[in-house]
Amino acid sequence: MKPRVPAQKTVLMMPAKIPEFLARHREIVLYAIVGVATTLLNIGMFYLLTQHSGMDYKWANLLTLITVKAAAFFGNKWIVFQSVNKDWIDFFLELWRYILSRALTTVLEFAGLMLLVEILHADSMISKILVTIAVIVSNYFFGKFFVFCKKGQA
């Protein structure tokens, strides 16, 4: 039987493991931070445009989505994947791959939700959560291996 480690000793050792965890999973942690930030931007901007400027919710949503997708592109490019372009053509090809990958995951989200709800008769809220998780994971892998990949990987 292992000797018990006192609770206070375990708590004191925990913070030392945090930097190690962050270093090992830096990209995923940064992806989560950028994701939370863009989600807050999405909700906050929509709220400000609809509640304080009187903008119609459809126009507010369109403007918000364009802004948030641009913020997500640059956040993922500069912070998460630290992508550098050699010229403007390289930049626009990267931007095109981003738009293409997000369009694909949007279609997958829409079709996946319909499949789960309409064909498999799953609960719509549970289905939305499952599909959203799949889209977040897909967007990460598209970003890593298709959009912001190093030269010769795409």
C-alpha atoms as a PDB file:
ATOM      1  CA  MET A   1       0.000   0.000   0.000  1.00  0.00           C
ATOM      2  CA  LYS A   2       1.295   3.449  -0.991  1.00  0.00           C
ATOM      3  CA  PRO A   3       1.847   6.004   1.750  1.00  0.00           C
ATOM      4  CA  ARG A   4      -0.699   8.832   1.629  1.00  0.00           C
ATOM      5  CA  VAL A   5       0.593  12.210   0.578  1.00  0.00           C
ATOM      6  CA  PRO A   6      -0.816  14.957   2.779  1.00  0.00           C
ATOM      7  CA  ALA A   7      -3.409  17.097   0.974  1.00  0.00           C
ATOM      8  CA  GLN A   8      -1.457  20.327   1.429  1.00  0.00           C
ATOM      9  CA  LYS A   9       1.651  18.826  -0.196  1.00  0.00           C
ATOM     10  CA  THR A  10      -0.383  17.765  -3.258  1.00  0.00           C
ATOM     11  CA  VAL A  11      -1.849  21.250  -3.628  1.00  0.00           C
ATOM     12  CA  LEU A  12       1.618  22.814  -3.409  1.00  0.00           C
ATOM     13  CA  MET A  13       2.967  20.508  -6.143  1.00  0.00           C
ATOM     14  CA  MET A  14       0.090  21.305  -8.538  1.00  0.00           C
ATOM     15  CA  PRO A  15       1.237  24.777  -9.713  1.00  0.00           C
ATOM     16  CA  ALA A  16       4.633  23.382 -10.732  1.00  0.00           C
ATOM     17  CA  LYS A  17       2.885  21.043 -13.166  1.00  0.00           C
ATOM     18  CA  ILE A  18       0.891  23.827 -14.842  1.00  0.00           C
ATOM     19  CA  PRO A  19       3.830  25.348 -16.798  1.00  0.00           C
ATOM     20  CA  GLU A  20       4.867  21.852 -17.894  1.00  0.00           C
ATOM     21  CA  PHE A  21       1.322  21.133 -19.121  1.00  0.00           C
ATOM     22  CA  LEU A  22       1.138  24.499 -20.927  1.00  0.00           C
ATOM     23  CA  ALA A  23       4.494  23.933 -22.614  1.00  0.00           C
ATOM     24  CA  ARG A  24       3.533  20.452 -23.764  1.00  0.00           C
ATOM     25  CA  HIS A  25       0.103  21.498 -25.067  1.00  0.00           C
ATOM     26  CA  ARG A  26       0.859  25.122 -26.000  1.00  0.00           C
ATOM     27  CA  GLU A  27      -0.901  25.072 -29.374  1.00  0.00           C
ATOM     28  CA  ILE A  28      -4.113  23.486 -28.063  1.00  0.00           C
ATOM     29  CA  VAL A  29      -4.222  25.828 -25.050  1.00  0.00           C
ATOM     30  CA  LEU A  30      -3.740  28.860 -27.326  1.00  0.00           C
ATOM     31  CA  TYR A  31      -6.405  27.525 -29.712  1.00  0.00           C
ATOM     32  CA  ALA A  32      -8.820  27.314 -26.765  1.00  0.00           C
ATOM     33  CA  ILE A  33      -7.945  30.849 -25.615  1.00  0.00           C
ATOM     34  CA  VAL A  34      -8.432  32.293 -29.118  1.00  0.00           C
ATOM     35  CA  GLY A  35     -11.688  30.337 -29.395  1.00  0.00           C
ATOM     36  CA  VAL A  36     -13.028  31.723 -26.117  1.00  0.00           C
ATOM     37  CA  ALA A  37     -11.966  35.245 -27.095  1.00  0.00           C
ATOM     38  CA  THR A  38     -13.689  35.060 -30.492  1.00  0.00           C
ATOM     39  CA  THR A  39     -16.810  33.593 -28.870  1.00  0.00           C
ATOM     40  CA  LEU A  40     -16.925  36.504 -26.413  1.00  0.00           C
ATOM     41  CA  LEU A  41     -16.398  38.923 -29.316  1.00  0.00           C
ATOM     42  CA  ASN A  42     -19.240  37.212 -31.201  1.00  0.00           C
ATOM     43  CA  ILE A  43     -21.722  37.519 -28.352  1.00  0.00           C
ATOM     44  CA  GLY A  44     -20.568  40.961 -27.198  1.00  0.00           C
ATOM     45  CA  MET A  45     -20.594  42.552 -30.637  1.00  0.00           C
ATOM     46  CA  PHE A  46     -23.994  41.072 -31.475  1.00  0.00           C
ATOM     47  CA  TYR A  47     -25.348  42.398 -28.167  1.00  0.00           C
ATOM     48  CA  LEU A  48     -23.946  45.896 -28.717  1.00  0.00           C
ATOM     49  CA  LEU A  49     -25.197  46.115 -32.294  1.00  0.00           C
ATOM     50  CA  THR A  50     -28.702  44.860 -31.532  1.00  0.00           C
ATOM     51  CA  GLN A  51     -29.285  46.333 -28.086  1.00  0.00           C
ATOM     52  CA  HIS A  52     -27.435  49.639 -28.239  1.00  0.00           C
ATOM     53  CA  SER A  53     -27.403  50.665 -31.883  1.00  0.00           C
ATOM     54  CA  GLY A  54     -30.840  49.332 -32.814  1.00  0.00           C
ATOM     55  CA  MET A  55     -29.457  47.373 -35.765  1.00  0.00           C
ATOM     56  CA  ASP A  56     -31.661  44.582 -37.118  1.00  0.00           C
ATOM     57  CA  TYR A  57     -30.472  41.217 -35.774  1.00  0.00           C
ATOM     58  CA  LYS A  58     -29.855  39.780 -39.272  1.00  0.00           C
ATOM     59  CA  TRP A  59     -27.508  42.618 -40.251  1.00  0.00           C
ATOM     60  CA  ALA A  60     -25.929  42.588 -36.810  1.00  0.00           C
ATOM     61  CA  ASN A  61     -25.307  38.850 -37.100  1.00  0.00           C
ATOM     62  CA  LEU A  62     -23.793  39.195 -40.588  1.00  0.00           C
ATOM     63  CA  LEU A  63     -21.452  42.002 -39.506  1.00  0.00           C
ATOM     64  CA  THR A  64     -20.565  40.108 -36.329  1.00  0.00           C
ATOM     65  CA  LEU A  65     -19.827  36.861 -38.179  1.00  0.00           C
ATOM     66  CA  ILE A  66     -17.565  38.600 -40.712  1.00  0.00           C
ATOM     67  CA  THR A  67     -15.683  40.372 -37.904  1.00  0.00           C
ATOM     68  CA  VAL A  68     -15.381  37.238 -35.766  1.00  0.00           C
ATOM     69  CA  LYS A  69     -14.209  35.045 -38.669  1.00  0.00           C
ATOM     70  CA  ALA A  70     -11.539  37.639 -39.493  1.00  0.00           C
ATOM     71  CA  ALA A  71     -10.482  37.820 -35.834  1.00  0.00           C
ATOM     72  CA  ALA A  72     -10.354  34.012 -35.658  1.00  0.00           C
ATOM     73  CA  PHE A  73      -8.234  33.883 -38.830  1.00  0.00           C
ATOM     74  CA  PHE A  74      -5.648  36.325 -37.501  1.00  0.00           C
ATOM     75  CA  GLY A  75      -5.749  34.894 -33.973  1.00  0.00           C
ATOM     76  CA  ASN A  76      -5.098  31.400 -35.267  1.00  0.00           C
ATOM     77  CA  LYS A  77      -2.534  32.631 -37.804  1.00  0.00           C
ATOM     78  CA  TRP A  78      -0.446  34.765 -35.460  1.00  0.00           C
ATOM     79  CA  ILE A  79      -1.040  33.348 -31.980  1.00  0.00           C
ATOM     80  CA  VAL A  80      -1.865  29.652 -32.341  1.00  0.00           C
ATOM     81  CA  PHE A  81       0.001  28.447 -35.426  1.00  0.00           C
ATOM     82  CA  GLN A  82       2.468  31.369 -35.753  1.00  0.00           C
ATOM     83  CA  SER A  83       2.209  31.341 -39.521  1.00  0.00           C
ATOM     84  CA  VAL A  84       4.468  33.618 -41.570  1.00  0.00           C
ATOM     85  CA  ASN A  85       3.927  34.339 -45.271  1.00  0.00           C
ATOM     86  CA  LYS A  86       6.701  35.051 -47.735  1.00  0.00           C
ATOM     87  CA  ASP A  87       4.516  37.317 -49.903  1.00  0.00           C
ATOM     88  CA  TRP A  88       0.942  38.502 -50.530  1.00  0.00           C
ATOM     89  CA  ILE A  89       0.151  35.549 -52.791  1.00  0.00           C
ATOM     90  CA  ASP A  90       1.097  33.159 -49.988  1.00  0.00           C
ATOM     91  CA  PHE A  91      -1.089  35.173 -47.592  1.00  0.00           C
ATOM     92  CA  PHE A  92      -4.126  35.098 -49.895  1.00  0.00           C
ATOM     93  CA  LEU A  93      -3.692  31.366 -50.543  1.00  0.00           C
ATOM     94  CA  GLU A  94      -3.674  30.829 -46.783  1.00  0.00           C
ATOM     95  CA  LEU A  95      -6.766  33.030 -46.425  1.00  0.00           C
ATOM     96  CA  TRP A  96      -8.478  31.074 -49.235  1.00  0.00           C
ATOM     97  CA  ARG A  97      -7.708  27.747 -47.510  1.00  0.00           C
ATOM     98  CA  TYR A  98      -9.152  29.182 -44.277  1.00  0.00           C
ATOM     99  CA  ILE A  99     -12.384  30.294 -46.004  1.00  0.00           C
ATOM    100  CA  LEU A 100     -12.661  26.943 -47.771  1.00  0.00           C
ATOM    101  CA  SER A 101     -12.096  24.924 -44.592  1.00  0.00           C
ATOM    102  CA  ARG A 102     -14.594  26.991 -42.575  1.00  0.00           C
ATOM    103  CA  ALA A 103     -17.166  26.661 -45.375  1.00  0.00           C
ATOM    104  CA  LEU A 104     -16.671  22.891 -45.328  1.00  0.00           C
ATOM    105  CA  THR A 105     -17.076  22.627 -41.559  1.00  0.00           C
ATOM    106  CA  THR A 106     -20.172  24.849 -41.750  1.00  0.00           C
ATOM    107  CA  VAL A 107     -21.714  22.424 -44.253  1.00  0.00           C
ATOM    108  CA  LEU A 108     -20.653  19.490 -42.051  1.00  0.00           C
ATOM    109  CA  GLU A 109     -22.242  21.178 -39.034  1.00  0.00           C
ATOM    110  CA  PHE A 110     -25.499  21.786 -40.861  1.00  0.00           C
ATOM    111  CA  ALA A 111     -25.642  18.293 -42.410  1.00  0.00           C
ATOM    112  CA  GLY A 112     -24.500  16.575 -39.209  1.00  0.00           C
ATOM    113  CA  LEU A 113     -27.198  18.270 -37.167  1.00  0.00           C
ATOM    114  CA  MET A 114     -29.855  17.331 -39.709  1.00  0.00           C
ATOM    115  CA  LEU A 115     -28.609  13.727 -39.788  1.00  0.00           C
ATOM    116  CA  LEU A 116     -28.723  13.383 -36.018  1.00  0.00           C
ATOM    117  CA  VAL A 117     -32.064  15.119 -35.512  1.00  0.00           C
ATOM    118  CA  GLU A 118     -34.068  14.249 -38.650  1.00  0.00           C
ATOM    119  CA  ILE A 119     -32.802  10.763 -39.475  1.00  0.00           C
ATOM    120  CA  LEU A 120     -31.520   9.364 -36.179  1.00  0.00           C
ATOM    121  CA  HIS A 121     -34.170  11.240 -34.107  1.00  0.00           C
ATOM    122  CA  ALA A 122     -31.626  12.423 -31.537  1.00  0.00           C
ATOM    123  CA  ASP A 123     -32.327  15.315 -29.186  1.00  0.00           C
ATOM    124  CA  SER A 124     -31.599  18.601 -30.983  1.00  0.00           C
ATOM    125  CA  MET A 125     -29.635  20.228 -28.133  1.00  0.00           C
ATOM    126  CA  ILE A 126     -27.450  17.175 -27.506  1.00  0.00           C
ATOM    127  CA  SER A 127     -26.951  16.888 -31.268  1.00  0.00           C
ATOM    128  CA  LYS A 128     -25.939  20.559 -31.516  1.00  0.00           C
ATOM    129  CA  ILE A 129     -23.387  20.107 -28.730  1.00  0.00           C
ATOM    130  CA  LEU A 130     -21.913  16.950 -30.320  1.00  0.00           C
ATOM    131  CA  VAL A 131     -21.734  18.510 -33.776  1.00  0.00           C
ATOM    132  CA  THR A 132     -20.184  21.703 -32.375  1.00  0.00           C
ATOM    133  CA  ILE A 133     -17.454  19.685 -30.647  1.00  0.00           C
ATOM    134  CA  ALA A 134     -16.777  17.837 -33.913  1.00  0.00           C
ATOM    135  CA  VAL A 135     -16.567  21.168 -35.777  1.00  0.00           C
ATOM    136  CA  ILE A 136     -14.154  22.683 -33.223  1.00  0.00           C
ATOM    137  CA  VAL A 137     -11.876  19.640 -33.484  1.00  0.00           C
ATOM    138  CA  SER A 138     -12.156  19.646 -37.295  1.00  0.00           C
ATOM    139  CA  ASN A 139     -11.337  23.365 -37.465  1.00  0.00           C
ATOM    140  CA  TYR A 140      -8.236  22.784 -35.322  1.00  0.00           C
ATOM    141  CA  PHE A 141      -6.964  20.007 -37.590  1.00  0.00           C
ATOM    142  CA  PHE A 142      -7.812  21.942 -40.758  1.00  0.00           C
ATOM    143  CA  GLY A 143      -5.897  24.901 -39.322  1.00  0.00           C
ATOM    144  CA  LYS A 144      -2.899  22.816 -38.340  1.00  0.00           C
ATOM    145  CA  PHE A 145      -2.584  20.598 -41.420  1.00  0.00           C
ATOM    146  CA  PHE A 146      -4.266  22.529 -44.253  1.00  0.00           C
ATOM    147  CA  VAL A 147      -4.578  26.271 -43.622  1.00  0.00           C
ATOM    148  CA  PHE A 148      -1.534  27.314 -41.562  1.00  0.00           C
ATOM    149  CA  CYS A 149       0.733  24.388 -42.381  1.00  0.00           C
ATOM    150  CA  LYS A 150       4.381  24.806 -43.239  1.00  0.00           C
ATOM    151  CA  LYS A 151       5.423  25.022 -46.887  1.00  0.00           C
ATOM    152  CA  GLY A 152       4.932  21.740 -48.730  1.00  0.00           C
ATOM    153  CA  GLN A 153       2.417  20.277 -46.243  1.00  0.00           C
ATOM    154  CA  ALA A 154      -0.847  21.541 -47.825  1.00  0.00           C
END
